Amino acid sequence: MLKLLFLLTFLISADFFSSAHARIVDGESYGYTEKNPYKATIGSTVLNNGFTKARDLDVNVKGRTLSRWARDQKLHVRFYAPAPGSIRSAKLLHVIAGLGGNDMGAIPTFISNLAHREGYSVIVYPNTLTTNFSVAASRRGLVGAASEDAVDLYHAMQSTIAALTAAGHQFDEHLLAGYSHGALLAAFVNESDLQDKTFNFSRVLLINPPLNLLHGVQVLDRFSKNYGFSLGRKITVGLGLKKAVNRHKRIVTTDASQAKFYRSVRLTDRESTGLIGRLLMSSLPRTILASQAVLDLGILRNRTGLGINFESYIMRFYAALARLEHREFSEDALNADNSLYRLRDSLAQSSNVFLMHNADDFLLAEGDVAWMEQVFGERAVIYPRGGHLGNLYFGDNVESIKSWLNLGFI
């Protein structure tokens, strides 16, 4: 009898959860017009919605003293203080930057400005795959395993709040948002908070997270190989893109200004993907050096970190760490532990975690869109195009973020 009751309860609950559908935006009605996901992605480098005064803070987390890395011994964060008279000034949005990004990039600035104008205070943290995080906040210096990095990031966030509290700031509600790799970290940070309950995040927003960590780094490694076009073409592409970025990054982003930027970027798909891979890998060599300054695993020969791609770094260095700690190492196990799939049950049951994504995001693997629909249900909105974060400025996307901030849905 008990087994029958359990089965009936399971079937009813399964039917209930399956009835909540993600908002899949129709391609015909969606007004964002750039259909090339690679060119769309490059457009995210010139996001600009104006200027909001912010304060740079250096937070003491681990207190390491490394002479070569003296500038990275404290965690660099950016704080958007409460707006005078705002009814939401005691609500703090925590933003986690994407792969290799710091607290001052175009995307975190765009998100922070948007939230601050809605009355929120904002704190922006660098991505964990940076020299700053490796030296200032990582337990072992070795970064790349999202689940472990998120624990270190969570402790760094606690240190940051302690510093803000000591400076006289008080907050009664905490929200969390991350984009790209920062969104993957945000999901794991929220898991830490479910246990520790320092912040009790009222709402969490994941923007374009990679679901499968290994698939994502393999895509970027493959993209970076496409950067091998001729020297003359590299110079032409580099100068042209630099000119376009410098011209447009100071312009407040609108449909018209973004369309002009796209027209000025004359790249083939191979060149676009090569550029994306090169840009996202640019911080990796120094991050490797910083990690080995904290914990030297005896792998580097030339002491530069050059020539090591993402997958090789994660697999070689974490395998070496496992040997040092007398543990078994498995590439599949590492990937399973640090991909969003691991959090499936928790995400499905967490009514406070929301998702924004694009169906043409090249970091998604086959079946990922269906997985997101099933797991997040009505807490997800999936746009038909935009590449990786390229449509973040678009009106529909901005309104979704505002709805999440103020109303608790997207």
Protein backbone atom coordinates (compact mmCIF):
# COMPACT_ATOMS: atom_id res chain seq x y z
CA MET A 1 0.00 0.00 0.00
CA LEU A 2 2.79 2.42 0.91
CA LYS A 3 4.57 1.61 -2.34
CA LEU A 4 1.37 2.31 -4.28
CA LEU A 5 0.90 5.66 -2.52
CA PHE A 6 4.51 6.58 -3.23
CA LEU A 7 4.09 5.69 -6.91
CA LEU A 8 0.91 7.75 -7.20
CA THR A 9 2.56 10.72 -5.49
CA PHE A 10 5.55 10.47 -7.84
CA LEU A 11 3.37 10.32 -10.95
CA ILE A 12 1.26 13.29 -9.82
CA SER A 13 4.33 15.39 -8.99
CA ALA A 14 6.02 14.42 -12.27
CA ASP A 15 2.92 15.50 -14.18
CA PHE A 16 2.81 18.75 -12.22
CA PHE A 17 6.42 19.67 -12.97
CA SER A 18 6.13 18.72 -16.63
CA SER A 19 3.19 21.12 -17.05
CA ALA A 20 5.42 24.15 -16.39
CA HIS A 21 6.89 25.15 -19.76
CA ALA A 22 9.90 27.32 -20.53
CA ARG A 23 9.22 30.46 -22.54
CA ILE A 24 10.64 29.60 -25.96
CA VAL A 25 10.71 32.87 -27.89
CA ASP A 26 9.44 32.49 -31.45
CA GLY A 27 12.02 33.27 -34.11
CA GLU A 28 9.57 35.22 -36.24
CA SER A 29 8.40 37.51 -33.43
CA TYR A 30 11.81 38.09 -31.83
CA GLY A 31 13.08 41.45 -33.05
CA TYR A 32 16.81 40.86 -32.59
CA THR A 33 18.01 40.62 -36.18
CA GLU A 34 21.63 39.38 -36.17
CA LYS A 35 21.45 35.75 -37.25
CA ASN A 36 25.15 34.93 -37.20
CA PRO A 37 25.92 33.67 -33.66
CA TYR A 38 29.64 34.42 -33.94
CA LYS A 39 29.23 37.99 -35.09
CA ALA A 40 26.50 38.46 -32.47
CA THR A 41 28.93 37.29 -29.78
CA ILE A 42 31.59 39.78 -30.81
CA GLY A 43 28.97 42.51 -30.40
CA SER A 44 28.94 41.91 -26.64
CA THR A 45 32.36 43.60 -26.42
CA VAL A 46 30.83 47.03 -27.05
CA LEU A 47 27.86 46.95 -24.69
CA ASN A 48 27.29 50.37 -23.15
CA ASN A 49 24.25 51.70 -21.28
CA GLY A 50 25.90 54.76 -19.82
CA PHE A 51 27.98 55.52 -16.78
CA THR A 52 27.27 54.84 -13.13
CA LYS A 53 29.78 55.82 -10.46
CA ALA A 54 31.33 52.80 -8.77
CA ARG A 55 33.99 52.22 -6.16
CA ASP A 56 36.86 49.76 -6.53
CA LEU A 57 37.56 47.66 -3.44
CA ASP A 58 40.45 45.37 -2.57
CA VAL A 59 39.29 42.59 -0.25
CA ASN A 60 41.71 40.60 1.88
CA VAL A 61 40.71 36.95 1.52
CA LYS A 62 43.74 34.65 1.75
CA GLY A 63 46.41 37.20 2.69
CA ARG A 64 49.14 35.62 0.55
CA THR A 65 52.45 37.39 0.00
CA LEU A 66 53.88 36.66 -3.45
CA SER A 67 56.32 39.28 -4.68
CA ARG A 68 55.71 38.74 -8.39
CA TRP A 69 51.96 38.85 -7.88
CA ALA A 70 51.78 41.73 -5.40
CA ARG A 71 48.96 43.44 -7.33
CA ASP A 72 46.82 40.32 -7.06
CA GLN A 73 47.20 39.60 -3.36
CA LYS A 74 43.79 41.12 -2.59
CA LEU A 75 40.60 40.38 -4.50
CA HIS A 76 39.56 43.26 -6.76
CA VAL A 77 35.81 43.87 -6.72
CA ARG A 78 33.64 46.78 -7.84
CA PHE A 79 30.90 48.21 -5.63
CA TYR A 80 27.96 50.29 -6.84
CA ALA A 81 26.84 52.00 -3.65
CA PRO A 82 23.17 52.51 -2.76
CA ALA A 83 21.50 55.29 -4.69
CA PRO A 84 20.34 58.04 -2.30
CA GLY A 85 16.62 57.73 -1.56
CA SER A 86 16.13 54.46 -3.42
CA ILE A 87 13.56 52.14 -1.87
CA ARG A 88 15.74 49.18 -2.96
CA SER A 89 19.05 50.51 -1.64
CA ALA A 90 19.27 47.71 0.94
CA LYS A 91 18.95 45.07 -1.79
CA LEU A 92 22.35 43.90 -3.04
CA LEU A 93 22.92 42.22 -6.40
CA HIS A 94 26.04 40.05 -6.57
CA VAL A 95 27.39 39.70 -10.15
CA ILE A 96 29.97 37.08 -11.20
CA ALA A 97 32.00 37.87 -14.32
CA GLY A 98 32.39 35.45 -17.22
CA LEU A 99 35.42 33.42 -18.30
CA GLY A 100 38.65 35.28 -17.57
CA GLY A 101 36.72 38.50 -16.93
CA ASN A 102 37.28 41.03 -14.19
CA ASP A 103 34.92 43.41 -12.41
CA MET A 104 35.34 46.17 -15.00
CA GLY A 105 34.35 44.47 -18.27
CA ALA A 106 31.64 45.63 -20.65
CA ILE A 107 29.10 42.96 -19.70
CA PRO A 108 29.30 43.21 -15.87
CA THR A 109 29.23 47.00 -16.21
CA PHE A 110 26.14 46.77 -18.42
CA ILE A 111 24.33 44.48 -15.95
CA SER A 112 25.42 46.58 -12.95
CA ASN A 113 24.28 49.85 -14.51
CA LEU A 114 20.93 48.30 -15.32
CA ALA A 115 20.41 47.02 -11.78
CA HIS A 116 21.69 50.20 -10.13
CA ARG A 117 19.23 52.30 -12.12
CA GLU A 118 16.50 50.03 -10.83
CA GLY A 119 17.62 51.08 -7.34
CA TYR A 120 19.82 48.13 -6.35
CA SER A 121 23.26 48.18 -4.83
CA VAL A 122 25.67 45.98 -6.81
CA ILE A 123 28.94 44.16 -6.16
CA VAL A 124 30.91 42.61 -9.05
CA TYR A 125 33.40 39.77 -8.59
CA PRO A 126 36.10 38.67 -11.04
CA ASN A 127 35.87 35.30 -12.70
CA THR A 128 37.66 32.48 -10.93
CA LEU A 129 39.86 31.75 -13.97
CA THR A 130 41.96 34.88 -13.43
CA THR A 131 45.32 35.61 -11.85
CA ASN A 132 43.61 37.77 -9.24
CA PHE A 133 41.27 35.05 -8.02
CA SER A 134 43.94 32.35 -8.17
CA VAL A 135 46.30 34.33 -5.94
CA ALA A 136 43.84 36.18 -3.71
CA ALA A 137 40.99 33.74 -3.11
CA SER A 138 41.69 30.17 -4.26
CA ARG A 139 42.59 27.66 -1.56
CA ARG A 140 45.18 25.91 -3.73
CA GLY A 141 45.77 28.44 -6.47
CA LEU A 142 44.65 25.91 -9.05
CA VAL A 143 41.42 27.10 -10.67
CA GLY A 144 39.14 25.58 -13.29
CA ALA A 145 36.96 23.07 -11.41
CA ALA A 146 33.75 25.10 -11.10
CA SER A 147 32.35 23.31 -8.05
CA GLU A 148 35.56 23.82 -6.05
CA ASP A 149 36.14 27.36 -7.32
CA ALA A 150 32.59 28.26 -6.30
CA VAL A 151 33.29 27.26 -2.70
CA ASP A 152 36.31 29.58 -2.70
CA LEU A 153 34.27 32.31 -4.36
CA TYR A 154 31.55 31.92 -1.76
CA HIS A 155 34.10 32.47 1.01
CA ALA A 156 35.43 35.52 -0.87
CA MET A 157 31.88 36.87 -1.06
CA GLN A 158 31.53 36.41 2.69
CA SER A 159 34.77 38.37 3.19
CA THR A 160 33.48 41.10 0.88
CA ILE A 161 30.23 41.46 2.79
CA ALA A 162 32.16 41.60 6.05
CA ALA A 163 34.25 44.46 4.63
CA LEU A 164 31.15 46.33 3.43
CA THR A 165 29.44 45.82 6.79
CA ALA A 166 32.51 47.16 8.58
CA ALA A 167 32.27 50.23 6.33
CA GLY A 168 28.71 50.84 7.50
CA HIS A 169 26.66 49.23 4.73
CA GLN A 170 23.69 47.04 5.64
CA PHE A 171 21.67 44.86 3.28
CA ASP A 172 18.43 43.00 3.94
CA GLU A 173 18.15 41.07 0.67
CA HIS A 174 20.68 39.43 -1.64
CA LEU A 175 20.32 38.52 -5.32
CA LEU A 176 22.85 36.66 -7.47
CA ALA A 177 23.53 36.82 -11.21
CA GLY A 178 26.26 35.34 -13.37
CA TYR A 179 26.86 35.22 -17.10
CA SER A 180 28.72 32.65 -19.22
CA HIS A 181 31.18 30.73 -17.03
CA GLY A 182 30.15 33.09 -14.23
CA ALA A 183 26.62 31.68 -14.51
CA LEU A 184 27.95 28.14 -14.02
CA LEU A 185 29.78 29.41 -10.93
CA ALA A 186 26.63 31.18 -9.70
CA ALA A 187 24.71 27.90 -9.76
CA PHE A 188 27.35 26.25 -7.58
CA VAL A 189 27.63 29.33 -5.31
CA ASN A 190 23.90 29.08 -4.70
CA GLU A 191 24.37 25.44 -3.69
CA SER A 192 26.91 26.55 -1.08
CA ASP A 193 24.47 29.11 0.22
CA LEU A 194 21.69 26.55 0.52
CA GLN A 195 23.92 24.88 3.10
CA ASP A 196 25.57 27.88 4.78
CA LYS A 197 22.69 30.42 4.42
CA THR A 198 24.90 33.51 4.67
CA PHE A 199 23.00 35.30 1.91
CA ASN A 200 19.75 33.35 1.42
CA PHE A 201 19.56 34.57 -2.18
CA SER A 202 16.00 35.58 -2.94
CA ARG A 203 16.62 35.24 -6.68
CA VAL A 204 19.39 33.79 -8.85
CA LEU A 205 19.79 34.47 -12.58
CA LEU A 206 21.95 32.32 -14.87
CA ILE A 207 22.69 34.02 -18.20
CA ASN A 208 24.07 31.82 -21.02
CA PRO A 209 25.84 29.25 -18.81
CA PRO A 210 27.74 26.36 -20.42
CA LEU A 211 26.01 23.20 -19.24
CA ASN A 212 28.83 20.78 -19.99
CA LEU A 213 32.19 22.16 -18.81
CA LEU A 214 34.34 19.90 -20.97
CA HIS A 215 32.27 20.50 -24.09
CA GLY A 216 32.57 24.25 -23.56
CA VAL A 217 36.36 24.27 -23.21
CA GLN A 218 36.71 21.95 -26.21
CA VAL A 219 34.69 24.39 -28.33
CA LEU A 220 36.87 27.31 -27.26
CA ASP A 221 40.05 25.32 -27.85
CA ARG A 222 38.80 24.47 -31.34
CA PHE A 223 37.92 28.11 -31.98
CA SER A 224 41.37 29.30 -30.92
CA LYS A 225 42.98 27.11 -33.57
CA ASN A 226 41.08 29.06 -36.20
CA TYR A 227 43.17 32.13 -35.35
CA GLY A 228 45.97 30.81 -37.55
CA PHE A 229 45.17 32.88 -40.66
CA SER A 230 47.90 34.84 -42.44
CA LEU A 231 49.91 37.55 -40.69
CA GLY A 232 48.67 40.18 -43.12
CA ARG A 233 45.07 39.19 -42.49
CA LYS A 234 45.65 39.16 -38.72
CA ILE A 235 46.89 42.74 -38.89
CA THR A 236 43.94 43.80 -41.05
CA VAL A 237 41.42 42.04 -38.81
CA GLY A 238 43.03 43.28 -35.61
CA LEU A 239 43.26 46.89 -36.67
CA GLY A 240 39.77 46.86 -38.14
CA LEU A 241 38.20 45.36 -35.05
CA LYS A 242 40.15 47.66 -32.72
CA LYS A 243 38.92 50.66 -34.70
CA ALA A 244 35.32 49.41 -34.62
CA VAL A 245 35.42 48.66 -30.89
CA ASN A 246 36.99 52.01 -30.00
CA ARG A 247 34.38 53.82 -32.09
CA HIS A 248 31.34 51.99 -30.75
CA LYS A 249 32.15 51.19 -27.13
CA ARG A 250 31.59 54.84 -26.20
CA ILE A 251 28.17 54.89 -27.86
CA VAL A 252 25.13 54.02 -25.78
CA THR A 253 24.02 50.71 -27.27
CA THR A 254 20.85 50.74 -29.34
CA ASP A 255 19.57 48.55 -32.17
CA ALA A 256 20.90 51.09 -34.66
CA SER A 257 24.34 51.47 -33.09
CA GLN A 258 24.77 47.72 -32.75
CA ALA A 259 23.73 47.19 -36.36
CA LYS A 260 26.41 49.69 -37.42
CA PHE A 261 28.98 47.82 -35.37
CA TYR A 262 28.02 44.51 -36.98
CA ARG A 263 28.32 46.06 -40.45
CA SER A 264 31.80 47.35 -39.60
CA VAL A 265 33.00 43.86 -38.54
CA ARG A 266 33.82 42.14 -41.82
CA LEU A 267 34.94 38.71 -40.73
CA THR A 268 34.46 35.20 -42.02
CA ASP A 269 33.05 32.61 -39.59
CA ARG A 270 36.52 31.10 -39.26
CA GLU A 271 38.00 34.48 -38.38
CA SER A 272 35.15 35.27 -35.99
CA THR A 273 35.49 32.00 -34.10
CA GLY A 274 39.27 32.35 -34.07
CA LEU A 275 38.93 35.80 -32.56
CA ILE A 276 36.42 34.60 -29.93
CA GLY A 277 38.71 31.74 -28.94
CA ARG A 278 41.74 34.00 -28.81
CA LEU A 279 39.98 36.63 -26.68
CA LEU A 280 38.58 34.12 -24.19
CA MET A 281 41.92 32.31 -23.90
CA SER A 282 43.98 35.47 -23.50
CA SER A 283 44.04 35.31 -19.68
CA LEU A 284 44.89 31.60 -19.46
CA PRO A 285 48.73 31.70 -19.66
CA ARG A 286 49.08 34.19 -16.80
CA THR A 287 46.43 32.36 -14.79
CA ILE A 288 48.49 29.17 -15.14
CA LEU A 289 51.61 31.00 -13.94
CA ALA A 290 49.74 32.48 -10.99
CA SER A 291 48.35 29.10 -9.99
CA GLN A 292 51.83 27.58 -10.01
CA ALA A 293 53.17 30.42 -7.90
CA VAL A 294 50.73 29.30 -5.20
CA LEU A 295 51.14 25.53 -5.72
CA ASP A 296 53.85 24.35 -8.12
CA LEU A 297 52.82 20.98 -9.55
CA GLY A 298 56.07 20.63 -11.51
CA ILE A 299 54.43 20.70 -14.93
CA LEU A 300 55.66 23.95 -16.46
CA ARG A 301 58.97 23.81 -18.28
CA ASN A 302 59.28 27.25 -19.88
CA ARG A 303 57.58 29.16 -17.03
CA THR A 304 55.32 31.04 -19.43
CA GLY A 305 52.13 28.99 -19.58
CA LEU A 306 51.99 29.54 -23.34
CA GLY A 307 50.91 26.73 -25.64
CA ILE A 308 48.57 25.12 -23.10
CA ASN A 309 44.90 25.13 -24.08
CA PHE A 310 41.93 24.94 -21.72
CA GLU A 311 41.33 21.20 -21.89
CA SER A 312 45.01 20.37 -21.53
CA TYR A 313 45.31 22.71 -18.58
CA ILE A 314 42.32 21.29 -16.72
CA MET A 315 43.18 17.67 -17.37
CA ARG A 316 46.95 17.81 -16.88
CA PHE A 317 47.01 20.03 -13.83
CA TYR A 318 44.10 18.41 -12.03
CA ALA A 319 45.55 14.97 -12.75
CA ALA A 320 48.83 16.15 -11.19
CA LEU A 321 46.94 17.48 -8.17
CA ALA A 322 45.18 14.13 -7.76
CA ARG A 323 48.54 12.34 -7.78
CA LEU A 324 49.87 14.76 -5.18
CA GLU A 325 46.84 14.06 -2.97
CA HIS A 326 46.95 10.29 -3.66
CA ARG A 327 43.55 10.25 -5.34
CA GLU A 328 42.25 8.57 -8.47
CA PHE A 329 41.75 10.88 -11.46
CA SER A 330 39.11 10.55 -14.17
CA GLU A 331 38.39 13.07 -16.91
CA ASP A 332 34.74 12.00 -17.02
CA ALA A 333 34.38 12.28 -13.25
CA LEU A 334 35.96 15.75 -13.24
CA ASN A 335 33.58 16.89 -15.94
CA ALA A 336 30.54 15.36 -14.21
CA ASP A 337 31.42 17.07 -10.92
CA ASN A 338 31.82 20.49 -12.52
CA SER A 339 29.03 20.67 -15.09
CA LEU A 340 25.55 22.10 -14.60
CA TYR A 341 24.07 18.63 -15.10
CA ARG A 342 25.27 17.70 -11.62
CA LEU A 343 22.77 20.16 -10.12
CA ARG A 344 19.76 18.89 -12.08
CA ASP A 345 17.59 17.90 -9.12
CA SER A 346 18.40 20.99 -7.09
CA LEU A 347 17.77 23.32 -10.04
CA ALA A 348 14.47 21.63 -10.84
CA GLN A 349 13.28 22.16 -7.26
CA SER A 350 14.67 25.67 -6.68
CA SER A 351 11.91 28.16 -7.38
CA ASN A 352 14.35 31.07 -6.98
CA VAL A 353 16.77 30.09 -9.79
CA PHE A 354 16.05 31.48 -13.27
CA LEU A 355 17.69 31.03 -16.66
CA MET A 356 18.19 33.13 -19.80
CA HIS A 357 19.83 31.46 -22.80
CA ASN A 358 20.06 31.45 -26.60
CA ALA A 359 19.27 28.40 -28.69
CA ASP A 360 22.17 29.16 -31.06
CA ASP A 361 24.80 29.56 -28.32
CA PHE A 362 27.80 27.58 -29.57
CA LEU A 363 28.71 26.47 -26.03
CA LEU A 364 25.60 24.31 -25.87
CA ALA A 365 25.80 20.63 -26.74
CA GLU A 366 23.13 18.58 -28.51
CA GLY A 367 20.14 18.12 -26.23
CA ASP A 368 21.00 21.00 -23.92
CA VAL A 369 18.03 23.16 -24.93
CA ALA A 370 15.62 20.32 -24.18
CA TRP A 371 17.42 19.73 -20.86
CA MET A 372 16.99 23.38 -19.87
CA GLU A 373 13.31 23.33 -20.81
CA GLN A 374 12.72 20.23 -18.71
CA VAL A 375 14.73 21.30 -15.67
CA PHE A 376 13.84 25.00 -15.40
CA GLY A 377 10.34 24.98 -16.85
CA GLU A 378 8.65 28.36 -16.62
CA ARG A 379 11.71 29.82 -14.89
CA ALA A 380 13.56 29.80 -18.23
CA VAL A 381 13.41 32.01 -21.29
CA ILE A 382 15.22 30.76 -24.38
CA TYR A 383 15.75 33.12 -27.30
CA PRO A 384 16.15 31.78 -30.84
CA ARG A 385 19.36 33.70 -31.60
CA GLY A 386 21.99 35.94 -30.10
CA GLY A 387 24.99 33.63 -29.96
CA HIS A 388 26.87 33.85 -26.67
CA LEU A 389 25.55 36.98 -24.92
CA GLY A 390 25.32 39.01 -28.14
CA ASN A 391 21.68 39.97 -27.57
CA LEU A 392 22.05 41.02 -23.93
CA TYR A 393 21.43 44.69 -24.78
CA PHE A 394 18.27 44.00 -26.80
CA GLY A 395 15.02 45.41 -25.42
CA ASP A 396 13.29 42.08 -24.77
CA ASN A 397 16.33 40.76 -22.93
CA VAL A 398 16.69 43.92 -20.84
CA GLU A 399 13.03 43.74 -19.85
CA SER A 400 13.49 40.09 -18.81
CA ILE A 401 16.34 41.09 -16.50
CA LYS A 402 14.27 43.93 -15.05
CA SER A 403 11.35 41.57 -14.47
CA TRP A 404 13.65 39.15 -12.70
CA LEU A 405 15.06 41.94 -10.54
CA ASN A 406 11.78 43.54 -9.53
CA LEU A 407 9.03 40.98 -9.95
CA GLY A 408 10.68 37.62 -9.50
CA PHE A 409 10.02 36.19 -12.95
CA ILE A 410 11.45 36.52 -16.46
